[in-house]
Amino acid sequence: MEELTAFGDKVKEDIQRDYVKADVYYQTLNVQIVKQSAKYTDEGFFAGLGGALSLYLGVAIIMIFELLELLFDLFVNVWRNTTDKNRSTIPH
């Protein structure tokens, strides 16, 4: 039993020599509660998504008509140029 007491005393001495006591003081004892909430509701999210998609769809449709107009103008110009060349080569 005496050896156990000597061992306990040695452990206490080691702890006192190797460890540091630190006192921690808080600036305030106020508690702050953080609550998370959704930035968008489901309805708001789908409404915004629908608005963005309709904008992009509208732009895409306008681009298709612009492309069709470009192709039509190219066809008309090519057709006019070929008919003008044919008229100029025919002798009068």
N, C-alpha and C. Protein backbone atom coordinates (compact mmCIF):
# COMPACT_ATOMS: atom_id res chain seq x y z
N MET A 1 0.82 -1.19 0.00
CA MET A 1 0.00 0.00 0.00
C MET A 1 0.86 1.26 0.00
N GLU A 2 1.96 1.15 0.63
CA GLU A 2 2.88 2.29 0.71
C GLU A 2 3.44 2.64 -0.68
N GLU A 3 3.66 1.61 -1.50
CA GLU A 3 4.16 1.83 -2.86
C GLU A 3 3.10 2.56 -3.72
N LEU A 4 1.83 2.21 -3.48
CA LEU A 4 0.75 2.85 -4.22
C LEU A 4 0.64 4.32 -3.85
N THR A 5 0.80 4.64 -2.57
CA THR A 5 0.76 6.03 -2.13
C THR A 5 1.95 6.80 -2.70
N ALA A 6 3.12 6.19 -2.73
CA ALA A 6 4.31 6.84 -3.29
C ALA A 6 4.12 7.09 -4.79
N PHE A 7 3.52 6.11 -5.46
CA PHE A 7 3.25 6.28 -6.90
C PHE A 7 2.26 7.41 -7.13
N GLY A 8 1.21 7.51 -6.30
CA GLY A 8 0.22 8.59 -6.41
C GLY A 8 0.85 9.95 -6.18
N ASP A 9 1.76 10.02 -5.21
CA ASP A 9 2.44 11.29 -4.94
C ASP A 9 3.33 11.69 -6.13
N LYS A 10 3.99 10.69 -6.72
CA LYS A 10 4.85 10.98 -7.88
C LYS A 10 3.99 11.49 -9.05
N VAL A 11 2.83 10.89 -9.24
CA VAL A 11 1.93 11.33 -10.32
C VAL A 11 1.47 12.75 -10.06
N LYS A 12 1.12 13.09 -8.83
CA LYS A 12 0.70 14.45 -8.50
C LYS A 12 1.82 15.45 -8.77
N GLU A 13 3.02 15.09 -8.40
CA GLU A 13 4.16 15.98 -8.64
C GLU A 13 4.38 16.18 -10.14
N ASP A 14 4.28 15.09 -10.91
CA ASP A 14 4.45 15.21 -12.36
C ASP A 14 3.38 16.11 -12.97
N ILE A 15 2.17 15.96 -12.50
CA ILE A 15 1.08 16.79 -13.03
C ILE A 15 1.32 18.25 -12.68
N GLN A 16 1.71 18.53 -11.44
CA GLN A 16 1.94 19.92 -11.04
C GLN A 16 3.12 20.52 -11.79
N ARG A 17 4.10 19.73 -12.11
CA ARG A 17 5.28 20.23 -12.81
C ARG A 17 5.02 20.40 -14.31
N ASP A 18 4.26 19.50 -14.93
CA ASP A 18 4.10 19.50 -16.38
C ASP A 18 2.90 20.29 -16.89
N TYR A 19 1.92 20.54 -16.09
CA TYR A 19 0.71 21.19 -16.58
C TYR A 19 0.56 22.59 -16.04
N VAL A 20 -0.12 23.43 -16.80
CA VAL A 20 -0.33 24.82 -16.46
C VAL A 20 -1.80 25.03 -16.16
N LYS A 21 -2.08 25.82 -15.16
CA LYS A 21 -3.46 26.18 -14.85
C LYS A 21 -3.77 27.48 -15.59
N ALA A 22 -4.88 27.49 -16.30
CA ALA A 22 -5.27 28.68 -17.05
C ALA A 22 -6.66 29.10 -16.59
N ASP A 23 -6.79 30.36 -16.22
CA ASP A 23 -8.09 30.91 -15.87
C ASP A 23 -8.64 31.63 -17.10
N VAL A 24 -9.87 31.31 -17.47
CA VAL A 24 -10.50 31.90 -18.64
C VAL A 24 -11.63 32.79 -18.15
N TYR A 25 -11.61 34.03 -18.61
CA TYR A 25 -12.66 34.98 -18.24
C TYR A 25 -13.38 35.41 -19.51
N TYR A 26 -14.67 35.39 -19.46
CA TYR A 26 -15.48 35.83 -20.60
C TYR A 26 -15.72 37.32 -20.51
N GLN A 27 -15.73 37.98 -21.67
CA GLN A 27 -16.01 39.41 -21.68
C GLN A 27 -17.46 39.67 -21.28
N THR A 28 -18.34 38.89 -21.83
CA THR A 28 -19.74 39.03 -21.48
C THR A 28 -20.32 37.64 -21.29
N LEU A 29 -21.39 37.59 -20.57
CA LEU A 29 -22.06 36.31 -20.37
C LEU A 29 -23.35 36.23 -21.19
N ASN A 30 -23.44 37.10 -22.22
CA ASN A 30 -24.61 37.08 -23.08
C ASN A 30 -24.58 35.85 -23.98
N VAL A 31 -25.74 35.37 -24.29
CA VAL A 31 -25.86 34.22 -25.18
C VAL A 31 -26.47 34.71 -26.48
N GLN A 32 -25.86 34.35 -27.58
CA GLN A 32 -26.36 34.74 -28.89
C GLN A 32 -26.92 33.51 -29.57
N ILE A 33 -28.16 33.61 -30.01
CA ILE A 33 -28.80 32.50 -30.69
C ILE A 33 -28.77 32.76 -32.19
N VAL A 34 -28.27 31.80 -32.94
CA VAL A 34 -28.18 31.91 -34.39
C VAL A 34 -29.23 30.99 -34.98
N LYS A 35 -30.11 31.57 -35.78
CA LYS A 35 -31.17 30.80 -36.40
C LYS A 35 -31.05 30.93 -37.90
N GLN A 36 -31.06 29.81 -38.60
CA GLN A 36 -30.97 29.82 -40.05
C GLN A 36 -32.37 29.76 -40.63
N SER A 37 -32.56 30.55 -41.66
CA SER A 37 -33.84 30.50 -42.36
C SER A 37 -33.55 30.60 -43.85
N ALA A 38 -34.46 30.08 -44.62
CA ALA A 38 -34.28 30.07 -46.07
C ALA A 38 -34.36 31.49 -46.61
N LYS A 39 -33.50 31.81 -47.57
CA LYS A 39 -33.52 33.13 -48.18
C LYS A 39 -34.70 33.25 -49.12
N TYR A 40 -35.01 32.17 -49.80
CA TYR A 40 -36.14 32.14 -50.73
C TYR A 40 -37.14 31.09 -50.25
N THR A 41 -38.39 31.41 -50.42
CA THR A 41 -39.41 30.38 -50.21
C THR A 41 -39.48 29.53 -51.47
N ASP A 42 -40.16 28.41 -51.39
CA ASP A 42 -40.28 27.55 -52.57
C ASP A 42 -40.97 28.28 -53.71
N GLU A 43 -42.02 29.02 -53.36
CA GLU A 43 -42.76 29.75 -54.40
C GLU A 43 -41.89 30.83 -55.02
N GLY A 44 -41.15 31.54 -54.20
CA GLY A 44 -40.27 32.60 -54.70
C GLY A 44 -39.16 32.04 -55.58
N PHE A 45 -38.64 30.88 -55.19
CA PHE A 45 -37.57 30.26 -55.98
C PHE A 45 -38.09 29.88 -57.36
N PHE A 46 -39.23 29.21 -57.40
CA PHE A 46 -39.77 28.78 -58.69
C PHE A 46 -40.24 29.97 -59.54
N ALA A 47 -40.72 31.02 -58.89
CA ALA A 47 -41.11 32.21 -59.63
C ALA A 47 -39.89 32.86 -60.28
N GLY A 48 -38.80 32.98 -59.54
CA GLY A 48 -37.57 33.55 -60.09
C GLY A 48 -36.99 32.68 -61.19
N LEU A 49 -37.03 31.37 -60.99
CA LEU A 49 -36.53 30.44 -62.00
C LEU A 49 -37.37 30.53 -63.27
N GLY A 50 -38.68 30.60 -63.11
CA GLY A 50 -39.56 30.73 -64.28
C GLY A 50 -39.33 32.03 -65.02
N GLY A 51 -39.11 33.12 -64.29
CA GLY A 51 -38.83 34.40 -64.93
C GLY A 51 -37.54 34.38 -65.72
N ALA A 52 -36.50 33.78 -65.13
CA ALA A 52 -35.22 33.71 -65.85
C ALA A 52 -35.33 32.82 -67.08
N LEU A 53 -36.01 31.69 -66.94
CA LEU A 53 -36.16 30.79 -68.09
C LEU A 53 -36.98 31.44 -69.20
N SER A 54 -38.01 32.17 -68.84
CA SER A 54 -38.81 32.82 -69.89
C SER A 54 -37.99 33.91 -70.59
N LEU A 55 -37.14 34.60 -69.85
CA LEU A 55 -36.27 35.60 -70.47
C LEU A 55 -35.33 34.93 -71.48
N TYR A 56 -34.68 33.84 -71.08
CA TYR A 56 -33.77 33.16 -71.98
C TYR A 56 -34.50 32.54 -73.17
N LEU A 57 -35.70 32.03 -72.94
CA LEU A 57 -36.48 31.46 -74.04
C LEU A 57 -36.87 32.57 -75.03
N GLY A 58 -37.26 33.72 -74.52
CA GLY A 58 -37.60 34.84 -75.39
C GLY A 58 -36.42 35.29 -76.22
N VAL A 59 -35.24 35.35 -75.61
CA VAL A 59 -34.03 35.74 -76.35
C VAL A 59 -33.72 34.69 -77.41
N ALA A 60 -33.88 33.42 -77.06
CA ALA A 60 -33.59 32.36 -78.03
C ALA A 60 -34.55 32.42 -79.21
N ILE A 61 -35.81 32.69 -78.98
CA ILE A 61 -36.78 32.79 -80.08
C ILE A 61 -36.45 33.97 -80.97
N ILE A 62 -36.08 35.10 -80.37
CA ILE A 62 -35.70 36.26 -81.17
C ILE A 62 -34.46 35.93 -82.02
N MET A 63 -33.52 35.21 -81.44
CA MET A 63 -32.32 34.85 -82.20
C MET A 63 -32.66 33.93 -83.37
N ILE A 64 -33.62 33.04 -83.19
CA ILE A 64 -34.03 32.16 -84.29
C ILE A 64 -34.62 32.99 -85.43
N PHE A 65 -35.49 33.96 -85.10
CA PHE A 65 -36.05 34.80 -86.15
C PHE A 65 -34.98 35.67 -86.82
N GLU A 66 -34.02 36.13 -86.05
CA GLU A 66 -32.91 36.90 -86.64
C GLU A 66 -32.10 36.02 -87.59
N LEU A 67 -31.89 34.78 -87.22
CA LEU A 67 -31.16 33.85 -88.08
C LEU A 67 -31.94 33.57 -89.36
N LEU A 68 -33.24 33.37 -89.23
CA LEU A 68 -34.08 33.16 -90.42
C LEU A 68 -34.06 34.38 -91.33
N GLU A 69 -34.09 35.56 -90.75
CA GLU A 69 -34.02 36.79 -91.55
C GLU A 69 -32.68 36.90 -92.27
N LEU A 70 -31.61 36.54 -91.60
CA LEU A 70 -30.29 36.57 -92.21
C LEU A 70 -30.22 35.59 -93.39
N LEU A 71 -30.72 34.38 -93.18
CA LEU A 71 -30.71 33.40 -94.26
C LEU A 71 -31.56 33.87 -95.44
N PHE A 72 -32.70 34.45 -95.15
CA PHE A 72 -33.56 34.98 -96.22
C PHE A 72 -32.86 36.09 -96.99
N ASP A 73 -32.21 37.02 -96.26
CA ASP A 73 -31.48 38.11 -96.93
C ASP A 73 -30.34 37.58 -97.77
N LEU A 74 -29.63 36.57 -97.28
CA LEU A 74 -28.55 35.98 -98.06
C LEU A 74 -29.09 35.33 -99.32
N PHE A 75 -30.18 34.61 -99.19
CA PHE A 75 -30.79 33.97 -100.36
C PHE A 75 -31.24 35.00 -101.38
N VAL A 76 -31.88 36.06 -100.93
CA VAL A 76 -32.35 37.11 -101.85
C VAL A 76 -31.17 37.76 -102.56
N ASN A 77 -30.11 38.08 -101.85
CA ASN A 77 -28.95 38.72 -102.47
C ASN A 77 -28.26 37.80 -103.46
N VAL A 78 -28.13 36.54 -103.10
CA VAL A 78 -27.51 35.59 -104.04
C VAL A 78 -28.39 35.44 -105.28
N TRP A 79 -29.67 35.36 -105.11
CA TRP A 79 -30.59 35.22 -106.23
C TRP A 79 -30.55 36.45 -107.14
N ARG A 80 -30.51 37.64 -106.53
CA ARG A 80 -30.44 38.87 -107.33
C ARG A 80 -29.13 38.94 -108.11
N ASN A 81 -28.04 38.58 -107.47
CA ASN A 81 -26.74 38.64 -108.14
C ASN A 81 -26.68 37.65 -109.31
N THR A 82 -27.23 36.49 -109.12
CA THR A 82 -27.19 35.52 -110.23
C THR A 82 -28.11 35.94 -111.37
N THR A 83 -29.26 36.52 -111.08
CA THR A 83 -30.14 36.97 -112.15
C THR A 83 -29.58 38.20 -112.85
N ASP A 84 -28.89 39.09 -112.11
CA ASP A 84 -28.27 40.26 -112.74
C ASP A 84 -27.14 39.83 -113.66
N LYS A 85 -26.38 38.84 -113.30
CA LYS A 85 -25.29 38.37 -114.16
C LYS A 85 -25.85 37.71 -115.41
N ASN A 86 -26.95 36.99 -115.27
CA ASN A 86 -27.57 36.36 -116.42
C ASN A 86 -28.11 37.41 -117.39
N ARG A 87 -28.66 38.48 -116.90
CA ARG A 87 -29.20 39.54 -117.76
C ARG A 87 -28.08 40.27 -118.49
N SER A 88 -26.95 40.46 -117.80
CA SER A 88 -25.87 41.22 -118.43
C SER A 88 -25.16 40.39 -119.49
N THR A 89 -25.24 39.09 -119.43
CA THR A 89 -24.56 38.26 -120.44
C THR A 89 -25.44 38.01 -121.67
N ILE A 90 -26.73 38.28 -121.57
CA ILE A 90 -27.62 38.09 -122.72
C ILE A 90 -27.42 39.26 -123.67
N PRO A 91 -27.15 38.99 -124.99
CA PRO A 91 -26.97 40.10 -125.95
C PRO A 91 -28.32 40.74 -126.27
N HIS A 92 -28.32 42.01 -126.52
CA HIS A 92 -29.57 42.76 -126.82
C HIS A 92 -29.79 42.83 -128.28
